[in-house]
Amino acid sequence: MKRNGSLHPPRDKHRDPDIVPAVFDQQRLEESVQRFAAYKPAAALLTKLDEAASLGGTLSALIGANLPVSYVVEGPRIPEDLAPARAHQLVARAVYLAQATDASAGDELLARKFGKVAHAIR
C-alpha cells in the first residue's frame, strides 16, 4: 500500500491511528490489524460504534494486538460525533450489548481460550 508517497511504512514518531470499524467481526478485525501492523499505529480510532451489535470481539482483538483505542465515533458526523475513548464506557457498552443479545461464551470457547482456568471463571 502506498502511503506518504512511499511503499515503506513511515518511521516518524507521529504515527497515524488505525481506523477500526466496530461492526467488523473479531476475525476480520484481527486480519485488518495484522495488515496495518507494519505501519505501527499508535492507537485505534473505533468507528461505527453506534452500528455495532456487539463489541466483545472488537475489544478482544484490539487488546490482543496491544492497540489502545484513542477515539470513538458514534455517528456519521465528523468532528461532532468524535469523542475520546474511555475504557469503562467501552466495557459497559460491550456488556450492555452482550446482555441485550443474550450473548455468552460457551464452555468450548472458554476452554480453548483459557484452558483449565475457564471453569474457575464460571
Protein backbone atom coordinates (compact mmCIF):
# COMPACT_ATOMS: atom_id res chain seq x y z
CA MET A 1 0.00 0.00 0.00
CA LYS A 2 1.34 3.40 -0.91
CA ARG A 3 1.37 5.81 2.00
CA ASN A 4 3.05 9.19 2.34
CA GLY A 5 4.43 8.84 -1.20
CA SER A 6 6.39 5.70 -0.31
CA LEU A 7 5.87 1.96 -0.30
CA HIS A 8 7.61 1.74 3.07
CA PRO A 9 5.91 2.25 6.45
CA PRO A 10 6.51 5.68 7.98
CA ARG A 11 9.17 5.79 10.67
CA ASP A 12 8.42 9.08 12.39
CA LYS A 13 7.16 9.30 15.96
CA HIS A 14 3.85 10.92 14.90
CA ARG A 15 2.07 7.78 13.77
CA ASP A 16 -1.47 7.76 12.43
CA PRO A 17 -4.12 5.71 14.22
CA ASP A 18 -5.51 2.52 12.71
CA ILE A 19 -9.14 3.17 11.71
CA VAL A 20 -11.20 0.26 13.05
CA PRO A 21 -14.91 -0.20 12.27
CA ALA A 22 -16.69 -1.60 15.34
CA VAL A 23 -19.01 -3.54 13.02
CA PHE A 24 -16.20 -5.92 11.96
CA ASP A 25 -16.30 -9.40 13.46
CA GLN A 26 -13.28 -10.44 15.52
CA GLN A 27 -11.58 -12.46 12.78
CA ARG A 28 -11.94 -9.69 10.19
CA LEU A 29 -10.69 -7.13 12.69
CA GLU A 30 -7.66 -9.25 13.61
CA GLU A 31 -6.82 -9.56 9.89
CA SER A 32 -7.10 -5.79 9.46
CA VAL A 33 -4.92 -5.08 12.50
CA GLN A 34 -2.28 -7.53 11.22
CA ARG A 35 -2.36 -5.97 7.76
CA PHE A 36 -1.65 -2.50 9.11
CA ALA A 37 0.81 -3.57 11.83
CA ALA A 38 3.75 -2.70 9.55
CA TYR A 39 2.74 0.95 9.88
CA LYS A 40 3.00 0.66 13.66
CA PRO A 41 -0.17 2.59 14.52
CA ALA A 42 -0.01 4.28 17.90
CA ALA A 43 -3.68 3.63 18.62
CA ALA A 44 -7.02 2.73 17.09
CA LEU A 45 -9.84 5.05 16.18
CA LEU A 46 -13.02 2.99 16.66
CA THR A 47 -15.73 3.97 14.15
CA LYS A 48 -19.37 2.97 13.64
CA LEU A 49 -19.81 2.39 17.37
CA ASP A 50 -23.47 3.30 17.02
CA GLU A 51 -23.96 0.49 14.45
CA ALA A 52 -22.21 -2.30 16.37
CA ALA A 53 -24.32 -5.25 17.50
CA SER A 54 -21.51 -6.37 19.82
CA LEU A 55 -18.12 -5.14 20.97
CA GLY A 56 -16.58 -8.15 22.71
CA GLY A 57 -14.74 -9.44 19.65
CA THR A 58 -13.61 -5.95 18.70
CA LEU A 59 -12.19 -5.22 22.14
CA SER A 60 -10.59 -8.67 22.35
CA ALA A 61 -8.83 -8.18 19.01
CA LEU A 62 -7.57 -4.74 19.97
CA ILE A 63 -6.35 -5.96 23.36
CA GLY A 64 -4.67 -8.94 21.68
CA ALA A 65 -2.86 -6.55 19.33
CA ASN A 66 -1.91 -4.29 22.25
CA LEU A 67 -3.57 -1.43 20.38
CA PRO A 68 -5.23 1.17 22.62
CA VAL A 69 -8.37 2.95 21.46
CA SER A 70 -7.78 6.70 21.36
CA TYR A 71 -11.08 7.96 19.96
CA VAL A 72 -14.53 6.62 19.15
CA VAL A 73 -17.04 7.75 16.55
CA GLU A 74 -20.69 7.22 17.41
CA GLY A 75 -22.35 8.66 14.32
CA PRO A 76 -21.85 9.90 10.77
CA ARG A 77 -20.84 13.48 11.62
CA ILE A 78 -17.16 14.30 11.98
CA PRO A 79 -15.99 16.01 14.17
CA GLU A 80 -19.29 16.28 16.10
CA ASP A 81 -19.53 12.52 16.76
CA LEU A 82 -15.83 12.09 17.57
CA ALA A 83 -15.03 11.64 21.28
CA PRO A 84 -12.06 10.49 23.37
CA ALA A 85 -12.29 6.79 24.18
CA ARG A 86 -12.99 5.83 27.80
CA ALA A 87 -12.28 2.23 28.77
CA HIS A 88 -15.09 1.99 31.30
CA GLN A 89 -17.61 3.27 28.74
CA LEU A 90 -16.48 0.79 26.09
CA VAL A 91 -16.63 -2.12 28.53
CA ALA A 92 -20.05 -1.02 29.83
CA ARG A 93 -21.33 -0.79 26.27
CA ALA A 94 -19.90 -4.22 25.43
CA VAL A 95 -21.63 -5.73 28.48
CA TYR A 96 -24.91 -3.99 27.62
CA LEU A 97 -24.81 -5.26 24.02
CA ALA A 98 -23.93 -8.79 25.16
CA GLN A 99 -26.86 -8.80 27.59
CA ALA A 100 -29.22 -7.29 25.02
CA THR A 101 -28.41 -10.05 22.52
CA ASP A 102 -28.18 -12.77 25.21
CA ALA A 103 -24.62 -13.50 24.09
CA SER A 104 -22.43 -15.65 26.26
CA ALA A 105 -19.17 -17.52 25.96
CA GLY A 106 -19.73 -21.24 25.78
CA ASP A 107 -17.67 -23.82 27.64
CA GLU A 108 -15.90 -24.84 24.42
CA LEU A 109 -14.76 -21.26 23.69
CA LEU A 110 -13.63 -20.70 27.25
CA ALA A 111 -11.69 -23.99 27.27
CA ARG A 112 -9.93 -23.07 24.01
CA LYS A 113 -9.04 -19.58 25.19
CA PHE A 114 -8.21 -20.21 28.84
CA GLY A 115 -7.77 -23.96 29.31
CA LYS A 116 -8.40 -25.20 32.84
CA VAL A 117 -8.86 -21.66 34.13
CA ALA A 118 -12.19 -21.48 32.24
CA HIS A 119 -14.05 -23.45 34.89
CA ALA A 120 -12.79 -21.15 37.63
CA ILE A 121 -14.17 -18.16 35.69
CA ARG A 122 -17.69 -19.55 35.60
